[in-house]
Amino acid sequence: MPTPNDRPRPWLVAAWPGMGNVAVIAANVLVAQMKLEPVLAIGPGGFFDIGEIHVVNGLIEKPRMPRSVLHRGVDAATGRHILLFLGEAQPNYNMWSYANGLLDKAAEHGVERVVTFASMASTVHPKQTPKVHGAATTPELVEEIERAGVKKVEGGQIGGLNGVLLGAASERGIPGLCLMGEIPFYAANLPNPKASRVVLSVFSVMAGLDVSLAELDTQSAQFEGPLTQLFERLREQAQEEASDLPDLGGDDPDDDDEGAGDAAPGNAAPGGAAQPGPTGEPGAPDPAPRRPVKSLDPALRARLERLFEDAQIDRKRAVSLKEELDRLGVFEEYEDRFLDLFKRAE
């Protein structure tokens, strides 16, 4: 048992709902595993508004403001105190002030590091193990997350308080980092415990915590089937739509050994690694030689432009776009642009 003198200083973990509900799922497991106790309920304080109401069996429920609770607990083995802030929603107004108010509370506990969890839309297949991408406020922390197996984000944005809180912490000289689990780009509205699992696994290693991931393993197995079925339905739909289009010529993708058909959304990218797709992130993470630009009929290029426009409006249409890029054997040529559709971590 560590003595008070050598006990590590507390870390603040903050989580809000987002794509795949990755952060909230991971945070709830951490609360349960560490038996964290609620120590402070933070009121709306002019940061929130009512934007919707809930209906149950035809009855409109009385509206209420989102709840935000600060939890605290200690790991018996390391003596590490964890402050965990769990919010039901992100504020509608004055996000910077909200972040600084939370840091004021954290400062009262002597927090030495701030960690946020987020998700990143990518082409990862539901049956693959998602990668964890990350960003940090100092070069030393970037090196630390890389040693933990995290892929550093080369460029992009981290949306909402997942990023704003770290920016505010950096201004105060408090180191911070964001861990982002990959989720399938076409299933951003569905819970993804598999992404939560990899994020929480990395966090546990970095913090020196012994956290059981068995519950998330069970949940991941339960959700893998429905996500795979969704992927197959969307892929079949994309193939049907593509078959209805006239063949406008261009290079035959079947003539290319690396041609389409060997990579659909989420399949392994060249080298066997899942190609990360951003939403707060990146471009291609692993330097790999780009294939030369293929010769396509101008009408085919125009068709791809229309598919990009459709996907910009409705992200689920990106499956049709990905299928067509693969069919024509030009995904690598358009890869960065395709991933830019999701260039934001949440």
Protein backbone atom coordinates (compact mmCIF):
# COMPACT_ATOMS: atom_id res chain seq x y z
CA MET A 1 0.00 0.00 0.00
CA PRO A 2 1.55 3.34 -1.02
CA THR A 3 2.24 5.87 1.72
CA PRO A 4 0.76 9.39 1.44
CA ASN A 5 4.17 10.70 0.39
CA ASP A 6 4.59 8.41 -2.61
CA ARG A 7 0.93 8.19 -3.61
CA PRO A 8 0.42 9.34 -7.22
CA ARG A 9 -1.61 12.46 -7.77
CA PRO A 10 -5.19 12.19 -9.07
CA TRP A 11 -6.19 12.00 -12.71
CA LEU A 12 -9.38 13.52 -14.10
CA VAL A 13 -11.32 11.43 -16.62
CA ALA A 14 -14.19 13.16 -18.43
CA ALA A 15 -16.84 11.53 -20.60
CA TRP A 16 -19.89 12.68 -22.53
CA PRO A 17 -22.20 10.98 -25.05
CA GLY A 18 -20.89 10.83 -28.60
CA MET A 19 -20.59 8.57 -31.61
CA GLY A 20 -20.87 4.94 -30.60
CA ASN A 21 -21.35 6.10 -27.00
CA VAL A 22 -17.75 4.97 -26.59
CA ALA A 23 -16.81 7.38 -23.80
CA VAL A 24 -19.90 6.83 -21.64
CA ILE A 25 -19.73 3.04 -21.90
CA ALA A 26 -16.06 3.04 -20.86
CA ALA A 27 -16.68 5.53 -18.05
CA ASN A 28 -19.57 3.53 -16.59
CA VAL A 29 -17.43 0.40 -16.47
CA LEU A 30 -14.70 2.37 -14.71
CA VAL A 31 -17.21 3.67 -12.15
CA ALA A 32 -18.44 0.14 -11.44
CA GLN A 33 -15.02 -1.55 -11.40
CA MET A 34 -13.36 1.04 -9.15
CA LYS A 35 -16.50 1.58 -7.07
CA LEU A 36 -16.25 5.32 -7.65
CA GLU A 37 -18.59 7.37 -5.49
CA PRO A 38 -20.49 10.48 -6.62
CA VAL A 39 -19.08 13.49 -4.77
CA LEU A 40 -20.58 16.43 -6.64
CA ALA A 41 -23.57 17.06 -8.88
CA ILE A 42 -22.96 20.02 -11.18
CA GLY A 43 -26.03 22.01 -12.17
CA PRO A 44 -26.83 23.36 -15.66
CA GLY A 45 -25.74 26.87 -14.65
CA GLY A 46 -26.90 28.58 -17.82
CA PHE A 47 -24.89 26.26 -20.06
CA PHE A 48 -27.81 24.11 -21.19
CA ASP A 49 -31.17 24.50 -22.86
CA ILE A 50 -34.08 22.15 -23.54
CA GLY A 51 -33.85 21.05 -27.17
CA GLU A 52 -36.21 18.07 -27.17
CA ILE A 53 -38.79 16.22 -25.11
CA HIS A 54 -39.31 12.50 -24.57
CA VAL A 55 -42.50 10.59 -25.30
CA VAL A 56 -43.42 7.28 -23.62
CA ASN A 57 -46.61 5.47 -24.66
CA GLY A 58 -47.96 8.66 -26.17
CA LEU A 59 -47.33 10.73 -23.04
CA ILE A 60 -44.94 13.67 -23.12
CA GLU A 61 -42.63 13.53 -20.14
CA LYS A 62 -41.70 16.61 -18.18
CA PRO A 63 -38.43 18.02 -19.50
CA ARG A 64 -35.35 18.18 -17.30
CA MET A 65 -31.88 19.54 -17.71
CA PRO A 66 -29.00 17.11 -18.33
CA ARG A 67 -27.25 15.83 -15.23
CA SER A 68 -23.50 16.01 -14.69
CA VAL A 69 -21.83 14.16 -11.81
CA LEU A 70 -18.25 14.09 -10.53
CA HIS A 71 -17.18 10.73 -9.07
CA ARG A 72 -14.14 9.88 -7.02
CA GLY A 73 -12.34 6.74 -5.92
CA VAL A 74 -8.91 5.26 -5.31
CA ASP A 75 -7.10 2.21 -6.66
CA ALA A 76 -5.97 0.17 -3.67
CA ALA A 77 -2.89 -1.25 -5.37
CA THR A 78 -1.38 1.99 -6.66
CA GLY A 79 -3.05 4.58 -4.46
CA ARG A 80 -4.07 6.41 -7.64
CA HIS A 81 -7.13 8.61 -7.11
CA ILE A 82 -9.43 8.90 -10.08
CA LEU A 83 -11.87 11.76 -10.54
CA LEU A 84 -14.43 10.83 -13.17
CA PHE A 85 -16.79 13.41 -14.60
CA LEU A 86 -19.77 11.90 -16.40
CA GLY A 87 -22.15 14.22 -18.23
CA GLU A 88 -25.46 13.32 -19.83
CA ALA A 89 -24.94 15.95 -22.52
CA GLN A 90 -22.47 18.56 -23.67
CA PRO A 91 -23.39 22.21 -23.01
CA ASN A 92 -25.21 24.27 -25.61
CA TYR A 93 -23.47 27.51 -24.66
CA ASN A 94 -20.12 28.82 -23.36
CA MET A 95 -18.25 25.54 -23.71
CA TRP A 96 -14.92 27.15 -22.85
CA SER A 97 -16.27 28.57 -19.59
CA TYR A 98 -17.85 25.21 -18.77
CA ALA A 99 -14.52 23.45 -19.30
CA ASN A 100 -12.71 25.89 -17.05
CA GLY A 101 -15.36 25.49 -14.36
CA LEU A 102 -14.79 21.75 -14.39
CA LEU A 103 -11.03 22.28 -14.19
CA ASP A 104 -11.54 24.58 -11.19
CA LYS A 105 -13.23 21.68 -9.39
CA ALA A 106 -10.48 19.29 -10.47
CA ALA A 107 -7.78 21.68 -9.26
CA GLU A 108 -9.23 21.46 -5.75
CA HIS A 109 -8.21 17.79 -5.79
CA GLY A 110 -4.70 18.42 -7.14
CA VAL A 111 -5.27 16.73 -10.48
CA GLU A 112 -2.05 16.18 -12.46
CA ARG A 113 -3.53 14.87 -15.73
CA VAL A 114 -6.77 15.17 -17.72
CA VAL A 115 -8.01 12.33 -19.93
CA THR A 116 -10.98 12.29 -22.29
CA PHE A 117 -12.42 9.36 -24.22
CA ALA A 118 -13.84 9.70 -27.73
CA SER A 119 -14.60 7.78 -30.90
CA MET A 120 -13.26 7.95 -34.42
CA ALA A 121 -15.22 6.83 -37.46
CA SER A 122 -13.20 4.53 -39.69
CA THR A 123 -13.47 1.68 -42.17
CA VAL A 124 -12.89 -0.89 -39.41
CA HIS A 125 -14.97 -4.05 -39.88
CA PRO A 126 -17.21 -5.07 -36.94
CA LYS A 127 -15.24 -8.31 -36.52
CA GLN A 128 -11.88 -6.57 -36.37
CA THR A 129 -10.30 -5.25 -33.19
CA PRO A 130 -10.53 -1.45 -33.33
CA LYS A 131 -7.38 0.61 -33.05
CA VAL A 132 -6.94 3.39 -30.52
CA HIS A 133 -5.87 6.78 -31.82
CA GLY A 134 -4.76 9.59 -29.58
CA ALA A 135 -3.62 13.15 -29.17
CA ALA A 136 -1.96 14.89 -26.25
CA THR A 137 -0.99 18.35 -25.06
CA THR A 138 2.76 17.76 -24.71
CA PRO A 139 5.42 15.95 -26.78
CA GLU A 140 6.22 13.79 -23.75
CA LEU A 141 2.61 12.62 -23.53
CA VAL A 142 2.51 11.91 -27.26
CA GLU A 143 5.52 9.63 -26.79
CA GLU A 144 3.81 7.99 -23.80
CA ILE A 145 0.62 7.16 -25.69
CA GLU A 146 2.67 5.77 -28.58
CA ARG A 147 4.51 3.48 -26.16
CA ALA A 148 1.07 2.27 -25.03
CA GLY A 149 0.26 1.22 -28.60
CA VAL A 150 -1.83 4.27 -29.47
CA LYS A 151 -1.65 5.69 -32.99
CA LYS A 152 -1.02 9.42 -32.74
CA VAL A 153 -3.40 11.61 -34.72
CA GLU A 154 -1.52 13.40 -37.47
CA GLY A 155 -4.18 16.04 -38.10
CA GLY A 156 -7.86 16.83 -37.73
CA GLN A 157 -10.18 18.04 -35.02
CA ILE A 158 -11.52 16.71 -31.72
CA GLY A 159 -15.08 17.92 -31.44
CA GLY A 160 -16.83 19.29 -28.37
CA LEU A 161 -15.60 19.09 -24.81
CA ASN A 162 -13.45 16.05 -25.54
CA GLY A 163 -11.06 18.51 -27.15
CA VAL A 164 -12.03 21.83 -25.56
CA LEU A 165 -11.37 20.51 -22.04
CA LEU A 166 -7.85 19.49 -23.06
CA GLY A 167 -7.23 22.89 -24.62
CA ALA A 168 -8.31 24.59 -21.41
CA ALA A 169 -6.15 22.21 -19.36
CA SER A 170 -3.16 22.96 -21.57
CA GLU A 171 -3.56 26.68 -20.92
CA ARG A 172 -3.30 25.94 -17.19
CA GLY A 173 -0.22 23.78 -17.64
CA ILE A 174 -2.10 20.55 -16.86
CA PRO A 175 -1.10 17.75 -19.26
CA GLY A 176 -3.97 16.07 -21.06
CA LEU A 177 -4.74 13.46 -23.67
CA CYS A 178 -7.63 12.04 -25.64
CA LEU A 179 -8.01 8.33 -26.43
CA MET A 180 -10.22 7.58 -29.44
CA GLY A 181 -11.59 4.16 -30.31
CA GLU A 182 -12.38 3.29 -33.91
CA ILE A 183 -16.00 2.65 -34.84
CA PRO A 184 -17.52 1.72 -38.24
CA PHE A 185 -18.35 4.91 -40.09
CA TYR A 186 -21.83 3.65 -41.02
CA ALA A 187 -22.81 2.81 -37.42
CA ALA A 188 -21.98 6.01 -35.56
CA ASN A 189 -25.43 6.07 -33.93
CA LEU A 190 -25.13 2.56 -32.47
CA PRO A 191 -23.38 1.73 -29.19
CA ASN A 192 -19.95 0.20 -29.69
CA PRO A 193 -18.62 -1.55 -26.57
CA LYS A 194 -15.74 -3.05 -28.56
CA ALA A 195 -14.32 0.45 -29.12
CA SER A 196 -14.93 1.26 -25.45
CA ARG A 197 -13.01 -1.86 -24.49
CA VAL A 198 -9.83 -0.96 -26.38
CA VAL A 199 -9.94 2.60 -25.06
CA LEU A 200 -10.39 1.47 -21.47
CA SER A 201 -7.67 -1.16 -21.88
CA VAL A 202 -5.12 1.46 -22.95
CA PHE A 203 -6.20 3.84 -20.20
CA SER A 204 -5.89 1.12 -17.55
CA VAL A 205 -2.34 0.34 -18.64
CA MET A 206 -1.32 4.00 -18.64
CA ALA A 207 -2.86 4.63 -15.21
CA GLY A 208 -1.60 1.36 -13.73
CA LEU A 209 -5.13 0.20 -12.88
CA ASP A 210 -6.36 -3.38 -12.69
CA VAL A 211 -9.73 -3.09 -14.44
CA SER A 212 -11.64 -6.16 -15.59
CA LEU A 213 -12.81 -5.94 -19.19
CA ALA A 214 -14.96 -9.09 -19.04
CA GLU A 215 -18.23 -7.15 -19.12
CA LEU A 216 -17.14 -5.28 -22.24
CA ASP A 217 -16.01 -8.56 -23.83
CA THR A 218 -19.54 -9.91 -23.35
CA GLN A 219 -21.17 -6.77 -24.68
CA SER A 220 -18.82 -6.71 -27.67
CA ALA A 221 -19.78 -10.25 -28.62
CA GLN A 222 -23.46 -9.35 -28.39
CA PHE A 223 -23.14 -6.29 -30.62
CA GLU A 224 -20.76 -7.77 -33.18
CA GLY A 225 -23.49 -9.81 -34.88
CA PRO A 226 -25.98 -6.95 -35.42
CA LEU A 227 -23.21 -4.63 -36.63
CA THR A 228 -21.98 -7.25 -39.08
CA GLN A 229 -25.53 -7.76 -40.35
CA LEU A 230 -25.92 -4.01 -40.82
CA PHE A 231 -22.67 -3.89 -42.76
CA GLU A 232 -23.76 -6.76 -45.01
CA ARG A 233 -27.15 -5.13 -45.69
CA LEU A 234 -25.55 -1.83 -46.59
CA ARG A 235 -22.98 -3.56 -48.78
CA GLU A 236 -25.67 -5.53 -50.61
CA GLN A 237 -27.63 -2.33 -51.12
CA ALA A 238 -24.52 -0.63 -52.48
CA GLN A 239 -23.87 -3.52 -54.85
CA GLU A 240 -27.45 -3.44 -56.10
CA GLU A 241 -27.24 0.28 -56.73
CA ALA A 242 -23.94 -0.16 -58.55
CA SER A 243 -25.36 -2.94 -60.73
CA ASP A 244 -28.15 -0.62 -61.86
CA LEU A 245 -25.61 1.84 -63.25
CA PRO A 246 -24.34 1.55 -66.83
CA ASP A 247 -20.76 0.42 -67.40
CA LEU A 248 -18.98 3.55 -68.53
CA GLY A 249 -15.67 1.89 -69.29
CA GLY A 250 -12.28 2.78 -67.86
CA ASP A 251 -9.69 0.36 -66.57
CA ASP A 252 -10.93 -3.10 -65.66
CA PRO A 253 -10.36 -3.46 -61.91
CA ASP A 254 -10.17 -7.24 -62.33
CA ASP A 255 -6.95 -6.74 -64.29
CA ASP A 256 -5.29 -5.25 -61.23
CA ASP A 257 -3.91 -7.72 -58.69
CA GLU A 258 -4.59 -5.18 -55.95
CA GLY A 259 -7.98 -4.38 -57.38
CA ALA A 260 -11.28 -3.84 -55.70
CA GLY A 261 -13.22 -6.53 -54.02
CA ASP A 262 -10.50 -7.31 -51.47
CA ALA A 263 -11.38 -4.30 -49.34
CA ALA A 264 -14.86 -3.26 -48.41
CA PRO A 265 -15.70 -0.94 -45.52
CA GLY A 266 -13.75 -2.16 -42.58
CA ASN A 267 -11.72 -4.84 -44.35
CA ALA A 268 -7.97 -4.90 -43.87
CA ALA A 269 -6.05 -2.22 -45.68
CA PRO A 270 -2.72 -2.89 -47.39
CA GLY A 271 -0.40 -4.55 -44.90
CA GLY A 272 -3.32 -6.11 -43.02
CA ALA A 273 -4.03 -3.08 -40.86
CA ALA A 274 -7.46 -1.54 -40.54
CA GLN A 275 -7.36 1.82 -42.25
CA PRO A 276 -8.32 4.47 -39.68
CA GLY A 277 -10.91 6.90 -40.78
CA PRO A 278 -11.21 10.12 -39.09
CA THR A 279 -13.55 12.11 -37.29
CA GLY A 280 -11.08 13.94 -35.22
CA GLU A 281 -8.30 12.45 -36.85
CA PRO A 282 -6.09 11.74 -39.51
CA GLY A 283 -5.12 10.84 -42.84
CA ALA A 284 -3.50 7.52 -43.54
CA PRO A 285 -1.56 6.53 -40.47
CA ASP A 286 0.94 4.12 -41.96
CA PRO A 287 3.11 5.48 -44.74
CA ALA A 288 2.47 3.26 -47.72
CA PRO A 289 3.16 3.90 -51.36
CA ARG A 290 0.16 5.27 -53.21
CA ARG A 291 -0.95 3.50 -56.33
CA PRO A 292 -0.76 5.56 -59.49
CA VAL A 293 -3.85 7.46 -60.59
CA LYS A 294 -5.91 5.19 -62.78
CA SER A 295 -7.35 6.21 -66.11
CA LEU A 296 -11.12 6.54 -65.71
CA ASP A 297 -13.75 7.73 -68.10
CA PRO A 298 -14.79 11.33 -67.23
CA ALA A 299 -18.34 10.07 -66.74
CA LEU A 300 -17.07 7.66 -64.07
CA ARG A 301 -15.27 10.51 -62.31
CA ALA A 302 -18.50 12.50 -62.44
CA ARG A 303 -20.39 9.56 -60.92
CA LEU A 304 -17.90 9.39 -58.07
CA GLU A 305 -18.33 13.12 -57.47
CA ARG A 306 -22.09 12.61 -57.14
CA LEU A 307 -21.52 9.75 -54.70
CA PHE A 308 -19.22 11.97 -52.63
CA GLU A 309 -21.93 14.63 -52.55
CA ASP A 310 -24.50 12.05 -51.42
CA ALA A 311 -22.18 10.75 -48.70
CA GLN A 312 -21.55 14.28 -47.46
CA ILE A 313 -25.28 14.64 -46.83
CA ASP A 314 -25.94 11.11 -45.53
CA ARG A 315 -22.97 9.22 -44.07
CA LYS A 316 -24.66 5.86 -44.63
CA ARG A 317 -24.38 6.56 -48.35
CA ALA A 318 -20.64 6.31 -47.85
CA VAL A 319 -21.00 2.54 -48.07
CA SER A 320 -22.17 2.88 -51.68
CA LEU A 321 -19.28 5.25 -52.34
CA LYS A 322 -16.75 2.87 -50.78
CA GLU A 323 -18.16 -0.05 -52.76
CA GLU A 324 -17.83 1.87 -56.03
CA LEU A 325 -14.30 3.04 -55.23
CA ASP A 326 -13.34 -0.56 -54.51
CA ARG A 327 -15.06 -1.85 -57.65
CA LEU A 328 -13.14 0.61 -59.80
CA GLY A 329 -9.89 -0.07 -57.97
CA VAL A 330 -9.36 3.59 -57.05
CA PHE A 331 -9.96 3.62 -53.30
CA GLU A 332 -6.32 4.44 -52.50
CA GLU A 333 -6.44 7.35 -54.92
CA TYR A 334 -9.51 8.76 -53.15
CA GLU A 335 -8.74 7.42 -49.68
CA ASP A 336 -7.82 10.69 -47.96
CA ARG A 337 -10.86 12.41 -49.38
CA PHE A 338 -13.10 9.53 -48.33
CA LEU A 339 -11.78 9.62 -44.77
CA ASP A 340 -12.17 13.40 -44.70
CA LEU A 341 -15.93 12.78 -44.73
CA PHE A 342 -15.51 11.67 -41.11
CA LYS A 343 -12.64 13.96 -40.10
CA ARG A 344 -13.77 14.70 -36.58
CA ALA A 345 -13.45 12.77 -33.34
CA GLU A 346 -16.35 12.87 -30.89
